[in-house]
Amino acid sequence: MLQGIHHVAIICSDYQRSRAFYVELLGLKVVAENYRAERDSWKLDLALNNDCQIELFSFPQPPPRPSQPEAQGLRHLAFRVDDLDAVIAHLQQADIAVEPVRVDPFTDKRFTFFADPDGLPLELYEIQP
């Protein structure tokens, strides 16, 4: 049956700003980038370590989606990292606010949250090799 996550789709409000955030800041690899004139929409396929993809979409005037506090629906997108402190430092150098590090009481793993340009909650979850 299910074998893994293929992709996560994100609709952004400012395509160039979100493209720079996911590609330049977070380092995801561009797989494909297509503009659909009939929809006035960009679709950017991004690879994350060849395990998963993020599809970044733009549409004219997308309605905002509530995400705080704890709105119903997808809660957040979590990225697996080897060195949480190094990733936090990288984000902070780019003036990205990062929440204080917490420890999962069930796994004893360290994690934190930050947000993409549209406020989508993103998590960093440390899995040491």
Foldseek 3Di string as FASTA:
>chain_A
DDDAEAEAEDEDADVVQLCCCCCVQVNWAWPDWDADVVQRKIWTWTDDVVRYIYIYMYGPPDDADDQPPPDPDDNAAEDEDADVVVSVVSCVVVVWDKDDWDADPVPRWIKTWTAGPSRGIYMYTHDHD
